[in-house]
Each structure stands twice: as C-alpha cells, then as structure tokens.
C-alpha cells in the first residue's frame, strides 16, 4: 500500500502528516510556512518523492456544518496541488482538530504558545488518522 499524506491548511502554516506503509497510523511529518516560498510546490515535490497517491486535506466547517472562508482556502490549495501533482485529493471534516491538537500538547506538558509548529503537524495527524480509521471500518 502506498502512503497517504494528511494536510492541515492554515493561514500562516501548513501541517503535514504521513501514514505508515500499512495505512493504519498517521505520523507528524513537517510544518511548512504558508507565506514563504512556494508551499504548494514543496508539497507536490514531497508527494513525488514519497510516491504518495492520495492526499487528505482537512476541510474546515463551522459548527453548524456550513463552510466559510477557511474551507475556500483549503479547496483552492487542493486545486493548485492537483495542477502540480497527479495525486487523488480527498477532503476530511476537520472541525475542532486544532483545538484537539492544542489540548493534546497541553496534556503532554508542552507550552502551546511555543508549540505552534507542532500544533499544525498534530492537527494534520488528527485529520489523517480520522480518515485512516474510517477507511479501516469500511473494510
């Protein structure tokens, strides 16, 4: 099985997570600065290098289930990524993943303010792990 890339698209940073080769566990990979260089090109090169066929991008929803400007940014990111990479892009509901990531870091004794880079990776892990778990349940 090929590995799957999870992405948490943020205003300032983009968190990346990568599945194991069995497609069971998500692991933090890196945080990319959203406004420095060409982050979409960087992700496309990573997809090629790691031979990734599927990318799961967190799609932010409001608690009411509606979509807002952050969802538009995630969709725009996906469109630009697909133009540079032949991968399959799937969206995953990412409501509260950043909050859950902050809570996990806080519970592990890490200072959330000093862990912003890590928060984005943990959010990407939560997005990807949710997707992997759902796929496992579907068989």
Protein backbone atom coordinates (compact mmCIF):
# COMPACT_ATOMS: atom_id res chain seq x y z
CA UNK A 1 0.00 0.00 0.00
CA UNK A 2 1.22 3.49 -0.73
CA UNK A 3 1.44 6.10 1.96
CA UNK A 4 -1.18 8.80 2.39
CA UNK A 5 -0.43 12.45 3.13
CA UNK A 6 -2.60 14.44 5.53
CA UNK A 7 -2.65 18.23 5.28
CA UNK A 8 -3.91 20.91 7.66
CA UNK A 9 -4.03 24.12 5.60
CA UNK A 10 -3.73 27.18 7.80
CA UNK A 11 -3.35 30.89 7.25
CA UNK A 12 0.26 31.01 8.49
CA UNK A 13 1.36 27.36 8.48
CA UNK A 14 0.54 24.08 6.74
CA UNK A 15 0.84 20.96 8.85
CA UNK A 16 1.76 17.69 7.17
CA UNK A 17 1.35 14.12 8.37
CA UNK A 18 2.20 10.85 6.66
CA UNK A 19 0.67 7.42 7.08
CA UNK A 20 2.71 4.31 7.68
CA UNK A 21 3.04 1.87 4.80
CA UNK A 22 0.15 -0.23 6.11
CA UNK A 23 -2.19 2.76 6.09
CA UNK A 24 -3.02 2.30 9.76
CA UNK A 25 -1.18 5.06 11.62
CA UNK A 26 -0.60 8.74 10.93
CA UNK A 27 2.71 10.32 11.94
CA UNK A 28 3.70 14.01 12.07
CA UNK A 29 5.92 14.96 9.15
CA UNK A 30 6.64 18.69 8.99
CA UNK A 31 5.24 22.20 9.10
CA UNK A 32 5.51 24.40 6.03
CA UNK A 33 5.28 28.19 6.22
CA UNK A 34 2.23 29.18 4.16
CA UNK A 35 3.58 32.58 3.12
CA UNK A 36 7.23 31.75 2.46
CA UNK A 37 8.42 30.46 -0.89
CA UNK A 38 6.04 28.18 -2.78
CA UNK A 39 4.45 25.82 -0.23
CA UNK A 40 2.25 24.06 -2.82
CA UNK A 41 5.27 23.27 -4.98
CA UNK A 42 7.07 21.97 -1.87
CA UNK A 43 4.15 19.65 -1.07
CA UNK A 44 3.94 18.48 -4.71
CA UNK A 45 7.66 17.61 -4.63
CA UNK A 46 7.13 15.70 -1.39
CA UNK A 47 4.26 13.76 -3.00
CA UNK A 48 6.53 12.76 -5.89
CA UNK A 49 9.48 11.89 -3.63
CA UNK A 50 7.39 9.74 -1.26
CA UNK A 51 5.31 8.22 -4.11
CA UNK A 52 2.07 9.36 -2.48
CA UNK A 53 -1.10 8.64 -4.44
CA UNK A 54 -3.71 10.03 -2.03
CA UNK A 55 -3.77 13.31 -0.15
CA UNK A 56 -6.32 14.06 2.58
CA UNK A 57 -6.89 17.76 3.18
CA UNK A 58 -8.76 18.99 6.21
CA UNK A 59 -11.89 20.86 5.17
CA UNK A 60 -12.89 23.31 7.89
CA UNK A 61 -16.58 23.55 8.67
CA UNK A 62 -18.44 25.79 11.03
CA UNK A 63 -20.08 24.06 13.96
CA UNK A 64 -23.39 24.47 12.09
CA UNK A 65 -21.97 22.35 9.26
CA UNK A 66 -21.68 25.26 6.83
CA UNK A 67 -18.45 26.20 5.06
CA UNK A 68 -16.62 29.50 5.42
CA UNK A 69 -13.55 31.27 4.02
CA UNK A 70 -11.14 28.71 5.52
CA UNK A 71 -12.85 25.95 3.51
CA UNK A 72 -12.44 28.04 0.37
CA UNK A 73 -8.69 28.29 1.11
CA UNK A 74 -8.45 24.51 1.54
CA UNK A 75 -10.28 23.93 -1.76
CA UNK A 76 -8.04 26.46 -3.53
CA UNK A 77 -4.96 24.72 -2.11
CA UNK A 78 -6.30 21.38 -3.41
CA UNK A 79 -6.93 22.79 -6.89
CA UNK A 80 -3.41 24.22 -7.12
CA UNK A 81 -1.88 21.00 -5.76
CA UNK A 82 -3.76 18.85 -8.31
CA UNK A 83 -2.37 21.08 -11.08
CA UNK A 84 1.18 20.16 -9.96
CA UNK A 85 0.65 16.56 -8.90
CA UNK A 86 -1.32 13.60 -10.28
CA UNK A 87 -2.46 12.57 -6.79
CA UNK A 88 -6.03 11.93 -5.68
CA UNK A 89 -7.22 14.61 -3.26
CA UNK A 90 -9.88 13.88 -0.67
CA UNK A 91 -11.34 16.23 1.90
CA UNK A 92 -11.94 15.36 5.55
CA UNK A 93 -14.06 17.25 8.07
CA UNK A 94 -11.53 18.86 10.38
CA UNK A 95 -13.81 20.54 12.89
CA UNK A 96 -12.00 21.10 16.17
CA UNK A 97 -8.76 19.35 15.11
CA UNK A 98 -6.62 22.36 16.05
CA UNK A 99 -8.40 22.59 19.41
CA UNK A 100 -7.82 18.85 19.96
CA UNK A 101 -4.16 19.24 18.94
CA UNK A 102 -3.70 22.08 21.43
CA UNK A 103 -5.34 20.00 24.16
CA UNK A 104 -3.08 17.01 23.44
CA UNK A 105 0.03 19.17 23.59
CA UNK A 106 -1.13 20.84 26.80
CA UNK A 107 -1.85 17.45 28.40
CA UNK A 108 1.62 16.24 27.42
CA UNK A 109 3.14 19.19 29.29
CA UNK A 110 4.10 21.25 26.24
CA UNK A 111 3.62 25.01 26.16
CA UNK A 112 1.02 25.56 23.43
CA UNK A 113 2.33 29.05 22.59
CA UNK A 114 5.84 27.70 21.94
CA UNK A 115 4.49 24.70 20.02
CA UNK A 116 2.70 26.37 17.10
CA UNK A 117 4.78 24.47 14.53
CA UNK A 118 3.92 21.20 16.24
CA UNK A 119 0.22 22.05 16.62
CA UNK A 120 -0.18 22.15 12.84
CA UNK A 121 1.50 18.76 12.47
CA UNK A 122 -0.66 17.26 15.22
CA UNK A 123 -3.77 18.70 13.55
CA UNK A 124 -2.66 17.05 10.27
CA UNK A 125 -2.16 13.77 12.17
CA UNK A 126 -5.71 14.01 13.57
CA UNK A 127 -7.14 14.68 10.10
CA UNK A 128 -5.24 11.79 8.54
CA UNK A 129 -5.89 9.38 11.42
CA UNK A 130 -9.62 10.10 11.23
CA UNK A 131 -9.56 9.29 7.53
CA UNK A 132 -7.48 6.11 8.05
CA UNK A 133 -9.78 4.90 10.83
CA UNK A 134 -12.86 5.46 8.65
CA UNK A 135 -11.27 3.52 5.78
CA UNK A 136 -10.42 0.64 8.12
CA UNK A 137 -14.05 0.50 9.31
CA UNK A 138 -15.27 0.36 5.71
CA UNK A 139 -13.03 -2.63 5.13
